Amino acid sequence: AISLVDLHAPDFERFPRFAEALEHAQVAEMEPGDALFI
């Protein structure tokens, strides 16, 4: 199952609580050779 929100263009009128999700989000910018434990 996937989120219906487009992260590049979130529609906050349709998905207003997504703003709260973004406040708790973490971002990893990765280069070749990097690994991410999820």
Full PDB file with SEQRES, HELIX, SHEET, SSBOND, CRYST1, ORIGX, SCALE, CONECT and MASTER records, all heavy atoms in Angstrom:
SEQRES   1 A   38  ALA ILE SER LEU VAL ASP LEU HIS ALA PRO ASP PHE GLU          
SEQRES   2 A   38  ARG PHE PRO ARG PHE ALA GLU ALA LEU GLU HIS ALA GLN          
SEQRES   3 A   38  VAL ALA GLU MET GLU PRO GLY ASP ALA LEU PHE ILE              
HELIX    1 AA1 PHE A   18  GLU A   23  1                                   6    
CRYST1    1.000    1.000    1.000  90.00  90.00  90.00 P 1           1          
ORIGX1      1.000000  0.000000  0.000000        0.00000                         
ORIGX2      0.000000  1.000000  0.000000        0.00000                         
ORIGX3      0.000000  0.000000  1.000000        0.00000                         
SCALE1      1.000000  0.000000  0.000000        0.00000                         
SCALE2      0.000000  1.000000  0.000000        0.00000                         
SCALE3      0.000000  0.000000  1.000000        0.00000                         
ATOM      1  N   ALA A   1       0.837  -1.190   0.000  1.00  0.00           N  
ATOM      2  CA  ALA A   1       0.000   0.000   0.000  1.00  0.00           C  
ATOM      3  C   ALA A   1       0.875   1.244   0.000  1.00  0.00           C  
ATOM      4  O   ALA A   1       1.945   1.272   0.621  1.00  0.00           O  
ATOM      5  CB  ALA A   1      -0.915  -0.006   1.218  1.00  0.00           C  
ATOM      6  N   ILE A   2       0.434   2.281  -0.702  1.00  0.00           N  
ATOM      7  CA  ILE A   2       1.253   3.484  -0.858  1.00  0.00           C  
ATOM      8  C   ILE A   2       0.481   4.737  -0.444  1.00  0.00           C  
ATOM      9  O   ILE A   2      -0.751   4.785  -0.476  1.00  0.00           O  
ATOM     10  CB  ILE A   2       1.748   3.661  -2.305  1.00  0.00           C  
ATOM     11  CG1 ILE A   2       0.566   3.877  -3.259  1.00  0.00           C  
ATOM     12  CG2 ILE A   2       2.598   2.476  -2.738  1.00  0.00           C  
ATOM     13  CD1 ILE A   2       0.975   4.276  -4.665  1.00  0.00           C  
ATOM     14  N   SER A   3       1.217   5.765  -0.070  1.00  0.00           N  
ATOM     15  CA  SER A   3       0.629   7.076   0.176  1.00  0.00           C  
ATOM     16  C   SER A   3       0.157   7.671  -1.147  1.00  0.00           C  
ATOM     17  O   SER A   3       0.840   7.561  -2.177  1.00  0.00           O  
ATOM     18  CB  SER A   3       1.661   8.003   0.819  1.00  0.00           C  
ATOM     19  OG  SER A   3       1.185   9.334   0.856  1.00  0.00           O  
ATOM     20  N   LEU A   4      -1.003   8.320  -1.116  1.00  0.00           N  
ATOM     21  CA  LEU A   4      -1.536   8.946  -2.324  1.00  0.00           C  
ATOM     22  C   LEU A   4      -1.020  10.367  -2.525  1.00  0.00           C  
ATOM     23  O   LEU A   4      -1.338  11.004  -3.525  1.00  0.00           O  
ATOM     24  CB  LEU A   4      -3.069   8.967  -2.266  1.00  0.00           C  
ATOM     25  CG  LEU A   4      -3.758   7.595  -2.199  1.00  0.00           C  
ATOM     26  CD1 LEU A   4      -5.268   7.764  -2.222  1.00  0.00           C  
ATOM     27  CD2 LEU A   4      -3.302   6.698  -3.345  1.00  0.00           C  
ATOM     28  N   VAL A   5      -0.214  10.851  -1.585  1.00  0.00           N  
ATOM     29  CA  VAL A   5       0.289  12.223  -1.662  1.00  0.00           C  
ATOM     30  C   VAL A   5       1.503  12.274  -2.583  1.00  0.00           C  
ATOM     31  O   VAL A   5       2.419  11.449  -2.469  1.00  0.00           O  
ATOM     32  CB  VAL A   5       0.666  12.749  -0.267  1.00  0.00           C  
ATOM     33  CG1 VAL A   5       1.091  14.216  -0.363  1.00  0.00           C  
ATOM     34  CG2 VAL A   5      -0.492  12.589   0.704  1.00  0.00           C  
ATOM     35  N   ASP A   6       1.505  13.236  -3.489  1.00  0.00           N  
ATOM     36  CA  ASP A   6       2.675  13.485  -4.342  1.00  0.00           C  
ATOM     37  C   ASP A   6       3.658  14.332  -3.537  1.00  0.00           C  
ATOM     38  O   ASP A   6       3.409  15.517  -3.273  1.00  0.00           O  
ATOM     39  CB  ASP A   6       2.249  14.207  -5.613  1.00  0.00           C  
ATOM     40  CG  ASP A   6       3.407  14.409  -6.586  1.00  0.00           C  
ATOM     41  OD1 ASP A   6       4.571  14.168  -6.202  1.00  0.00           O  
ATOM     42  OD2 ASP A   6       3.143  14.814  -7.733  1.00  0.00           O  
ATOM     43  N   LEU A   7       4.773  13.747  -3.149  1.00  0.00           N  
ATOM     44  CA  LEU A   7       5.743  14.451  -2.311  1.00  0.00           C  
ATOM     45  C   LEU A   7       6.296  15.681  -3.005  1.00  0.00           C  
ATOM     46  O   LEU A   7       6.683  16.659  -2.359  1.00  0.00           O  
ATOM     47  CB  LEU A   7       6.872  13.502  -1.906  1.00  0.00           C  
ATOM     48  CG  LEU A   7       7.822  14.000  -0.819  1.00  0.00           C  
ATOM     49  CD1 LEU A   7       7.086  14.170   0.508  1.00  0.00           C  
ATOM     50  CD2 LEU A   7       8.986  13.042  -0.639  1.00  0.00           C  
ATOM     51  N   HIS A   8       6.353  15.673  -4.337  1.00  0.00           N  
ATOM     52  CA  HIS A   8       6.879  16.828  -5.065  1.00  0.00           C  
ATOM     53  C   HIS A   8       5.873  17.969  -5.149  1.00  0.00           C  
ATOM     54  O   HIS A   8       6.268  19.123  -5.355  1.00  0.00           O  
ATOM     55  CB  HIS A   8       7.296  16.407  -6.471  1.00  0.00           C  
ATOM     56  CG  HIS A   8       8.616  15.724  -6.517  1.00  0.00           C  
ATOM     57  ND1 HIS A   8       9.306  15.505  -7.689  1.00  0.00           N  
ATOM     58  CD2 HIS A   8       9.394  15.192  -5.539  1.00  0.00           C  
ATOM     59  CE1 HIS A   8      10.446  14.863  -7.426  1.00  0.00           C  
ATOM     60  NE2 HIS A   8      10.520  14.674  -6.140  1.00  0.00           N  
ATOM     61  N   ALA A   9       4.584  17.655  -5.033  1.00  0.00           N  
ATOM     62  CA  ALA A   9       3.537  18.682  -5.133  1.00  0.00           C  
ATOM     63  C   ALA A   9       2.368  18.298  -4.243  1.00  0.00           C  
ATOM     64  O   ALA A   9       1.280  17.996  -4.722  1.00  0.00           O  
ATOM     65  CB  ALA A   9       3.090  18.849  -6.587  1.00  0.00           C  
ATOM     66  N   PRO A  10       2.568  18.292  -2.925  1.00  0.00           N  
ATOM     67  CA  PRO A  10       1.490  17.857  -2.036  1.00  0.00           C  
ATOM     68  C   PRO A  10       0.285  18.799  -2.090  1.00  0.00           C  
ATOM     69  O   PRO A  10       0.433  20.020  -2.085  1.00  0.00           O  
ATOM     70  CB  PRO A  10       2.141  17.883  -0.647  1.00  0.00           C  
ATOM     71  CG  PRO A  10       3.330  18.767  -0.779  1.00  0.00           C  
ATOM     72  CD  PRO A  10       3.791  18.646  -2.198  1.00  0.00           C  
ATOM     73  N   ASP A  11      -0.898  18.209  -2.192  1.00  0.00           N  
ATOM     74  CA  ASP A  11      -2.159  18.955  -2.220  1.00  0.00           C  
ATOM     75  C   ASP A  11      -2.669  19.032  -0.782  1.00  0.00           C  
ATOM     76  O   ASP A  11      -3.337  18.125  -0.291  1.00  0.00           O  
ATOM     77  CB  ASP A  11      -3.163  18.233  -3.125  1.00  0.00           C  
ATOM     78  CG  ASP A  11      -4.474  18.987  -3.266  1.00  0.00           C  
ATOM     79  OD1 ASP A  11      -4.730  19.906  -2.462  1.00  0.00           O  
ATOM     80  OD2 ASP A  11      -5.259  18.636  -4.162  1.00  0.00           O  
ATOM     81  N   PHE A  12      -2.348  20.120  -0.105  1.00  0.00           N  
ATOM     82  CA  PHE A  12      -2.686  20.229   1.313  1.00  0.00           C  
ATOM     83  C   PHE A  12      -4.172  20.485   1.535  1.00  0.00           C  
ATOM     84  O   PHE A  12      -4.656  20.308   2.651  1.00  0.00           O  
ATOM     85  CB  PHE A  12      -1.840  21.316   1.976  1.00  0.00           C  
ATOM     86  CG  PHE A  12      -0.386  20.957   2.084  1.00  0.00           C  
ATOM     87  CD1 PHE A  12       0.572  21.643   1.360  1.00  0.00           C  
ATOM     88  CD2 PHE A  12       0.026  19.927   2.914  1.00  0.00           C  
ATOM     89  CE1 PHE A  12       1.918  21.313   1.457  1.00  0.00           C  
ATOM     90  CE2 PHE A  12       1.371  19.577   3.018  1.00  0.00           C  
ATOM     91  CZ  PHE A  12       2.318  20.274   2.283  1.00  0.00           C  
ATOM     92  N   GLU A  13      -4.907  20.910   0.500  1.00  0.00           N  
ATOM     93  CA  GLU A  13      -6.358  21.009   0.649  1.00  0.00           C  
ATOM     94  C   GLU A  13      -6.986  19.620   0.703  1.00  0.00           C  
ATOM     95  O   GLU A  13      -7.885  19.360   1.503  1.00  0.00           O  
ATOM     96  CB  GLU A  13      -6.950  21.813  -0.503  1.00  0.00           C  
ATOM     97  CG  GLU A  13      -6.616  23.291  -0.456  1.00  0.00           C  
ATOM     98  CD  GLU A  13      -7.393  24.081  -1.488  1.00  0.00           C  
ATOM     99  OE1 GLU A  13      -8.304  23.506  -2.135  1.00  0.00           O  
ATOM    100  OE2 GLU A  13      -7.101  25.280  -1.664  1.00  0.00           O  
ATOM    101  N   ARG A  14      -6.507  18.733  -0.137  1.00  0.00           N  
ATOM    102  CA  ARG A  14      -7.025  17.363  -0.152  1.00  0.00           C  
ATOM    103  C   ARG A  14      -6.421  16.518   0.963  1.00  0.00           C  
ATOM    104  O   ARG A  14      -7.079  15.654   1.529  1.00  0.00           O  
ATOM    105  CB  ARG A  14      -6.727  16.725  -1.512  1.00  0.00           C  
ATOM    106  CG  ARG A  14      -7.281  15.325  -1.691  1.00  0.00           C  
ATOM    107  CD  ARG A  14      -6.913  14.775  -3.051  1.00  0.00           C  
ATOM    108  NE  ARG A  14      -7.337  13.392  -3.205  1.00  0.00           N  
ATOM    109  CZ  ARG A  14      -6.931  12.585  -4.187  1.00  0.00           C  
ATOM    110  NH1 ARG A  14      -6.093  13.047  -5.115  1.00  0.00           N  
ATOM    111  NH2 ARG A  14      -7.341  11.335  -4.250  1.00  0.00           N  
ATOM    112  N   PHE A  15      -5.155  16.773   1.284  1.00  0.00           N  
ATOM    113  CA  PHE A  15      -4.421  15.967   2.274  1.00  0.00           C  
ATOM    114  C   PHE A  15      -3.839  16.872   3.369  1.00  0.00           C  
ATOM    115  O   PHE A  15      -2.618  16.981   3.513  1.00  0.00           O  
ATOM    116  CB  PHE A  15      -3.294  15.184   1.597  1.00  0.00           C  
ATOM    117  CG  PHE A  15      -3.713  14.358   0.407  1.00  0.00           C  
ATOM    118  CD1 PHE A  15      -3.174  14.600  -0.851  1.00  0.00           C  
ATOM    119  CD2 PHE A  15      -4.633  13.333   0.541  1.00  0.00           C  
ATOM    120  CE1 PHE A  15      -3.535  13.827  -1.947  1.00  0.00           C  
ATOM    121  CE2 PHE A  15      -5.003  12.552  -0.547  1.00  0.00           C  
ATOM    122  CZ  PHE A  15      -4.464  12.808  -1.790  1.00  0.00           C  
ATOM    123  N   PRO A  16      -4.673  17.544   4.147  1.00  0.00           N  
ATOM    124  CA  PRO A  16      -4.144  18.560   5.082  1.00  0.00           C  
ATOM    125  C   PRO A  16      -3.226  17.995   6.152  1.00  0.00           C  
ATOM    126  O   PRO A  16      -2.287  18.674   6.579  1.00  0.00           O  
ATOM    127  CB  PRO A  16      -5.418  19.152   5.697  1.00  0.00           C  
ATOM    128  CG  PRO A  16      -6.483  18.121   5.492  1.00  0.00           C  
ATOM    129  CD  PRO A  16      -6.140  17.446   4.193  1.00  0.00           C  
ATOM    130  N   ARG A  17      -3.469  16.757   6.604  1.00  0.00           N  
ATOM    131  CA  ARG A  17      -2.642  16.221   7.693  1.00  0.00           C  
ATOM    132  C   ARG A  17      -1.242  15.836   7.224  1.00  0.00           C  
ATOM    133  O   ARG A  17      -0.373  15.553   8.052  1.00  0.00           O  
ATOM    134  CB  ARG A  17      -3.328  15.002   8.334  1.00  0.00           C  
ATOM    135  CG  ARG A  17      -4.624  15.328   9.056  1.00  0.00           C  
ATOM    136  CD  ARG A  17      -5.088  14.147   9.919  1.00  0.00           C  
ATOM    137  NE  ARG A  17      -5.122  12.894   9.191  1.00  0.00           N  
ATOM    138  CZ  ARG A  17      -6.153  12.477   8.446  1.00  0.00           C  
ATOM    139  NH1 ARG A  17      -7.238  13.230   8.330  1.00  0.00           N  
ATOM    140  NH2 ARG A  17      -6.110  11.315   7.830  1.00  0.00           N  
ATOM    141  N   PHE A  18      -1.004  15.844   5.925  1.00  0.00           N  
ATOM    142  CA  PHE A  18       0.337  15.517   5.434  1.00  0.00           C  
ATOM    143  C   PHE A  18       1.363  16.540   5.912  1.00  0.00           C  
ATOM    144  O   PHE A  18       2.548  16.218   6.042  1.00  0.00           O  
ATOM    145  CB  PHE A  18       0.343  15.422   3.911  1.00  0.00           C  
ATOM    146  CG  PHE A  18       1.650  14.915   3.352  1.00  0.00           C  
ATOM    147  CD1 PHE A  18       2.058  13.609   3.581  1.00  0.00           C  
ATOM    148  CD2 PHE A  18       2.473  15.750   2.610  1.00  0.00           C  
ATOM    149  CE1 PHE A  18       3.268  13.138   3.089  1.00  0.00           C  
ATOM    150  CE2 PHE A  18       3.680  15.284   2.108  1.00  0.00           C  
ATOM    151  CZ  PHE A  18       4.077  13.979   2.350  1.00  0.00           C  
ATOM    152  N   ALA A  19       0.914  17.756   6.181  1.00  0.00           N  
ATOM    153  CA  ALA A  19       1.845  18.764   6.722  1.00  0.00           C  
ATOM    154  C   ALA A  19       2.430  18.291   8.044  1.00  0.00           C  
ATOM    155  O   ALA A  19       3.615  18.523   8.333  1.00  0.00           O  
ATOM    156  CB  ALA A  19       1.114  20.094   6.889  1.00  0.00           C  
ATOM    157  N   GLU A  20       1.625  17.613   8.846  1.00  0.00           N  
ATOM    158  CA  GLU A  20       2.120  17.057  10.114  1.00  0.00           C  
ATOM    159  C   GLU A  20       3.129  15.952   9.852  1.00  0.00           C  
ATOM    160  O   GLU A  20       4.166  15.861  10.535  1.00  0.00           O  
ATOM    161  CB  GLU A  20       0.946  16.522  10.926  1.00  0.00           C  
ATOM    162  CG  GLU A  20       1.325  15.753  12.181  1.00  0.00           C  
ATOM    163  CD  GLU A  20       1.855  16.626  13.306  1.00  0.00           C  
ATOM    164  OE1 GLU A  20       1.690  17.863  13.227  1.00  0.00           O  
ATOM    165  OE2 GLU A  20       2.435  16.071  14.257  1.00  0.00           O  
ATOM    166  N   ALA A  21       2.866  15.099   8.856  1.00  0.00           N  
ATOM    167  CA  ALA A  21       3.805  14.024   8.522  1.00  0.00           C  
ATOM    168  C   ALA A  21       5.164  14.596   8.132  1.00  0.00           C  
ATOM    169  O   ALA A  21       6.214  14.061   8.527  1.00  0.00           O  
ATOM    170  CB  ALA A  21       3.241  13.161   7.400  1.00  0.00           C  
ATOM    171  N   LEU A  22       5.158  15.681   7.366  1.00  0.00           N  
ATOM    172  CA  LEU A  22       6.427  16.282   6.939  1.00  0.00           C  
ATOM    173  C   LEU A  22       7.243  16.783   8.115  1.00  0.00           C  
ATOM    174  O   LEU A  22       8.482  16.789   8.059  1.00  0.00           O  
ATOM    175  CB  LEU A  22       6.160  17.420   5.957  1.00  0.00           C  
ATOM    176  CG  LEU A  22       5.693  17.014   4.557  1.00  0.00           C  
ATOM    177  CD1 LEU A  22       5.337  18.251   3.740  1.00  0.00           C  
ATOM    178  CD2 LEU A  22       6.745  16.188   3.842  1.00  0.00           C  
ATOM    179  N   GLU A  23       6.591  17.207   9.186  1.00  0.00           N  
ATOM    180  CA  GLU A  23       7.328  17.676  10.360  1.00  0.00           C  
ATOM    181  C   GLU A  23       8.097  16.550  11.039  1.00  0.00           C  
ATOM    182  O   GLU A  23       9.063  16.807  11.773  1.00  0.00           O  
ATOM    183  CB  GLU A  23       6.361  18.324  11.357  1.00  0.00           C  
ATOM    184  CG  GLU A  23       5.752  19.628  10.854  1.00  0.00           C  
ATOM    185  CD  GLU A  23       4.865  20.281  11.891  1.00  0.00           C  
ATOM    186  OE1 GLU A  23       4.869  19.811  13.058  1.00  0.00           O  
ATOM    187  OE2 GLU A  23       4.186  21.260  11.541  1.00  0.00           O  
ATOM    188  N   HIS A  24       7.691  15.306  10.791  1.00  0.00           N  
ATOM    189  CA  HIS A  24       8.354  14.151  11.396  1.00  0.00           C  
ATOM    190  C   HIS A  24       9.216  13.381  10.394  1.00  0.00           C  
ATOM    191  O   HIS A  24       9.783  12.346  10.746  1.00  0.00           O  
ATOM    192  CB  HIS A  24       7.307  13.219  11.996  1.00  0.00           C  
ATOM    193  CG  HIS A  24       6.503  13.840  13.098  1.00  0.00           C  
ATOM    194  ND1 HIS A  24       6.903  13.816  14.414  1.00  0.00           N  
ATOM    195  CD2 HIS A  24       5.335  14.525  13.061  1.00  0.00           C  
ATOM    196  CE1 HIS A  24       6.008  14.446  15.156  1.00  0.00           C  
ATOM    197  NE2 HIS A  24       5.047  14.889  14.361  1.00  0.00           N  
ATOM    198  N   ALA A  25       9.311  13.872   9.167  1.00  0.00           N  
ATOM    199  CA  ALA A  25      10.045  13.165   8.126  1.00  0.00           C  
ATOM    200  C   ALA A  25      11.551  13.286   8.322  1.00  0.00           C  
ATOM    201  O   ALA A  25      12.044  14.265   8.884  1.00  0.00           O  
ATOM    202  CB  ALA A  25       9.654  13.706   6.755  1.00  0.00           C  
ATOM    203  N   GLN A  26      12.270  12.265   7.835  1.00  0.00           N  
ATOM    204  CA  GLN A  26      13.726  12.277   7.806  1.00  0.00           C  
ATOM    205  C   GLN A  26      14.179  12.003   6.371  1.00  0.00           C  
ATOM    206  O   GLN A  26      13.558  11.209   5.666  1.00  0.00           O  
ATOM    207  CB  GLN A  26      14.305  11.217   8.751  1.00  0.00           C  
ATOM    208  CG  GLN A  26      13.933  11.417  10.205  1.00  0.00           C  
ATOM    209  CD  GLN A  26      14.571  10.389  11.112  1.00  0.00           C  
ATOM    210  OE1 GLN A  26      15.659   9.883  10.840  1.00  0.00           O  
ATOM    211  NE2 GLN A  26      13.902  10.065  12.211  1.00  0.00           N  
ATOM    212  N   VAL A  27      15.251  12.652   5.965  1.00  0.00           N  
ATOM    213  CA  VAL A  27      15.704  12.563   4.575  1.00  0.00           C  
ATOM    214  C   VAL A  27      17.135  12.055   4.533  1.00  0.00           C  
ATOM    215  O   VAL A  27      17.991  12.488   5.315  1.00  0.00           O  
ATOM    216  CB  VAL A  27      15.606  13.931   3.870  1.00  0.00           C  
ATOM    217  CG1 VAL A  27      16.098  13.821   2.428  1.00  0.00           C  
ATOM    218  CG2 VAL A  27      14.182  14.440   3.892  1.00  0.00           C  
ATOM    219  N   ALA A  28      17.394  11.134   3.594  1.00  0.00           N  
ATOM    220  CA  ALA A  28      18.753  10.640   3.346  1.00  0.00           C  
ATOM    221  C   ALA A  28      19.102  10.900   1.886  1.00  0.00           C  
ATOM    222  O   ALA A  28      18.430  10.397   0.982  1.00  0.00           O  
ATOM    223  CB  ALA A  28      18.837   9.147   3.647  1.00  0.00           C  
ATOM    224  N   GLU A  29      20.115  11.720   1.661  1.00  0.00           N  
ATOM    225  CA  GLU A  29      20.652  11.970   0.319  1.00  0.00           C  
ATOM    226  C   GLU A  29      21.847  11.039   0.143  1.00  0.00           C  
ATOM    227  O   GLU A  29      22.840  11.152   0.868  1.00  0.00           O  
ATOM    228  CB  GLU A  29      21.081  13.424   0.172  1.00  0.00           C  
ATOM    229  CG  GLU A  29      19.973  14.434   0.415  1.00  0.00           C  
ATOM    230  CD  GLU A  29      19.104  14.666  -0.819  1.00  0.00           C  
ATOM    231  OE1 GLU A  29      19.439  14.086  -1.881  1.00  0.00           O  
ATOM    232  OE2 GLU A  29      18.119  15.404  -0.714  1.00  0.00           O  
ATOM    233  N   MET A  30      21.769  10.143  -0.839  1.00  0.00           N  
ATOM    234  CA  MET A  30      22.739   9.055  -0.915  1.00  0.00           C  
ATOM    235  C   MET A  30      23.530   9.079  -2.220  1.00  0.00           C  
ATOM    236  O   MET A  30      22.993   9.360  -3.297  1.00  0.00           O  
ATOM    237  CB  MET A  30      22.007   7.713  -0.765  1.00  0.00           C  
ATOM    238  CG  MET A  30      21.232   7.588   0.545  1.00  0.00           C  
ATOM    239  SD  MET A  30      20.315   6.035   0.690  1.00  0.00           S  
ATOM    240  CE  MET A  30      21.673   4.838   0.722  1.00  0.00           C  
ATOM    241  N   GLU A  31      24.816   8.756  -2.078  1.00  0.00           N  
ATOM    242  CA  GLU A  31      25.737   8.644  -3.201  1.00  0.00           C  
ATOM    243  C   GLU A  31      26.094   7.171  -3.413  1.00  0.00           C  
ATOM    244  O   GLU A  31      25.865   6.332  -2.524  1.00  0.00           O  
ATOM    245  CB  GLU A  31      27.013   9.447  -2.912  1.00  0.00           C  
ATOM    246  CG  GLU A  31      26.791  10.922  -2.628  1.00  0.00           C  
ATOM    247  CD  GLU A  31      26.470  11.704  -3.889  1.00  0.00           C  
ATOM    248  OE1 GLU A  31      26.813  11.211  -4.992  1.00  0.00           O  
ATOM    249  OE2 GLU A  31      25.895  12.803  -3.768  1.00  0.00           O  
ATOM    250  N   PRO A  32      26.682   6.827  -4.569  1.00  0.00           N  
ATOM    251  CA  PRO A  32      27.128   5.444  -4.767  1.00  0.00           C  
ATOM    252  C   PRO A  32      28.068   4.994  -3.656  1.00  0.00           C  
ATOM    253  O   PRO A  32      28.999   5.711  -3.290  1.00  0.00           O  
ATOM    254  CB  PRO A  32      27.837   5.496  -6.121  1.00  0.00           C  
ATOM    255  CG  PRO A  32      27.185   6.635  -6.839  1.00  0.00           C  
ATOM    256  CD  PRO A  32      26.883   7.659  -5.777  1.00  0.00           C  
ATOM    257  N   GLY A  33      27.799   3.823  -3.108  1.00  0.00           N  
ATOM    258  CA  GLY A  33      28.588   3.289  -2.009  1.00  0.00           C  
ATOM    259  C   GLY A  33      27.950   3.481  -0.651  1.00  0.00           C  
ATOM    260  O   GLY A  33      28.365   2.850   0.325  1.00  0.00           O  
ATOM    261  N   ASP A  34      26.928   4.361  -0.563  1.00  0.00           N  
ATOM    262  CA  ASP A  34      26.233   4.581   0.702  1.00  0.00           C  
ATOM    263  C   ASP A  34      25.179   3.502   0.922  1.00  0.00           C  
ATOM    264  O   ASP A  34      24.639   2.921  -0.034  1.00  0.00           O  
ATOM    265  CB  ASP A  34      25.540   5.949   0.714  1.00  0.00           C  
ATOM    266  CG  ASP A  34      26.514   7.109   0.731  1.00  0.00           C  
ATOM    267  OD1 ASP A  34      27.692   6.880   1.077  1.00  0.00           O  
ATOM    268  OD2 ASP A  34      26.094   8.232   0.393  1.00  0.00           O  
ATOM    269  N   ALA A  35      24.860   3.253   2.182  1.00  0.00           N  
ATOM    270  CA  ALA A  35      23.807   2.304   2.543  1.00  0.00           C  
ATOM    271  C   ALA A  35      22.895   2.951   3.568  1.00  0.00           C  
ATOM    272  O   ALA A  35      23.306   3.832   4.333  1.00  0.00           O  
ATOM    273  CB  ALA A  35      24.403   1.010   3.099  1.00  0.00           C  
ATOM    274  N   LEU A  36      21.642   2.514   3.579  1.00  0.00           N  
ATOM    275  CA  LEU A  36      20.641   3.052   4.497  1.00  0.00           C  
ATOM    276  C   LEU A  36      19.945   1.893   5.196  1.00  0.00           C  
ATOM    277  O   LEU A  36      19.410   0.999   4.538  1.00  0.00           O  
ATOM    278  CB  LEU A  36      19.615   3.892   3.735  1.00  0.00           C  
ATOM    279  CG  LEU A  36      18.452   4.472   4.537  1.00  0.00           C  
ATOM    280  CD1 LEU A  36      18.951   5.500   5.542  1.00  0.00           C  
ATOM    281  CD2 LEU A  36      17.411   5.092   3.604  1.00  0.00           C  
ATOM    282  N   PHE A  37      19.991   1.913   6.529  1.00  0.00           N  
ATOM    283  CA  PHE A  37      19.210   0.939   7.290  1.00  0.00           C  
ATOM    284  C   PHE A  37      17.829   1.528   7.540  1.00  0.00           C  
ATOM    285  O   PHE A  37      17.691   2.616   8.112  1.00  0.00           O  
ATOM    286  CB  PHE A  37      19.876   0.602   8.622  1.00  0.00           C  
ATOM    287  CG  PHE A  37      19.001  -0.263   9.495  1.00  0.00           C  
ATOM    288  CD1 PHE A  37      18.791  -1.601   9.182  1.00  0.00           C  
ATOM    289  CD2 PHE A  37      18.357   0.272  10.600  1.00  0.00           C  
ATOM    290  CE1 PHE A  37      17.954  -2.389   9.959  1.00  0.00           C  
ATOM    291  CE2 PHE A  37      17.533  -0.508  11.391  1.00  0.00           C  
ATOM    292  CZ  PHE A  37      17.320  -1.843  11.065  1.00  0.00           C  
ATOM    293  N   ILE A  38      16.786   0.798   7.093  1.00  0.00           N  
ATOM    294  CA  ILE A  38      15.397   1.215   7.261  1.00  0.00           C  
ATOM    295  C   ILE A  38      14.727   0.218   8.199  1.00  0.00           C  
ATOM    296  O   ILE A  38      14.569  -0.955   7.846  1.00  0.00           O  
ATOM    297  CB  ILE A  38      14.653   1.254   5.914  1.00  0.00           C  
ATOM    298  CG1 ILE A  38      15.401   2.117   4.904  1.00  0.00           C  
ATOM    299  CG2 ILE A  38      13.227   1.763   6.110  1.00  0.00           C  
ATOM    300  CD1 ILE A  38      14.805   2.074   3.496  1.00  0.00           C  
TER     301      ILE A  38                                                      
MASTER        0    0    0    1    0    0    0    6  300    1    0    3          
END                                                                             
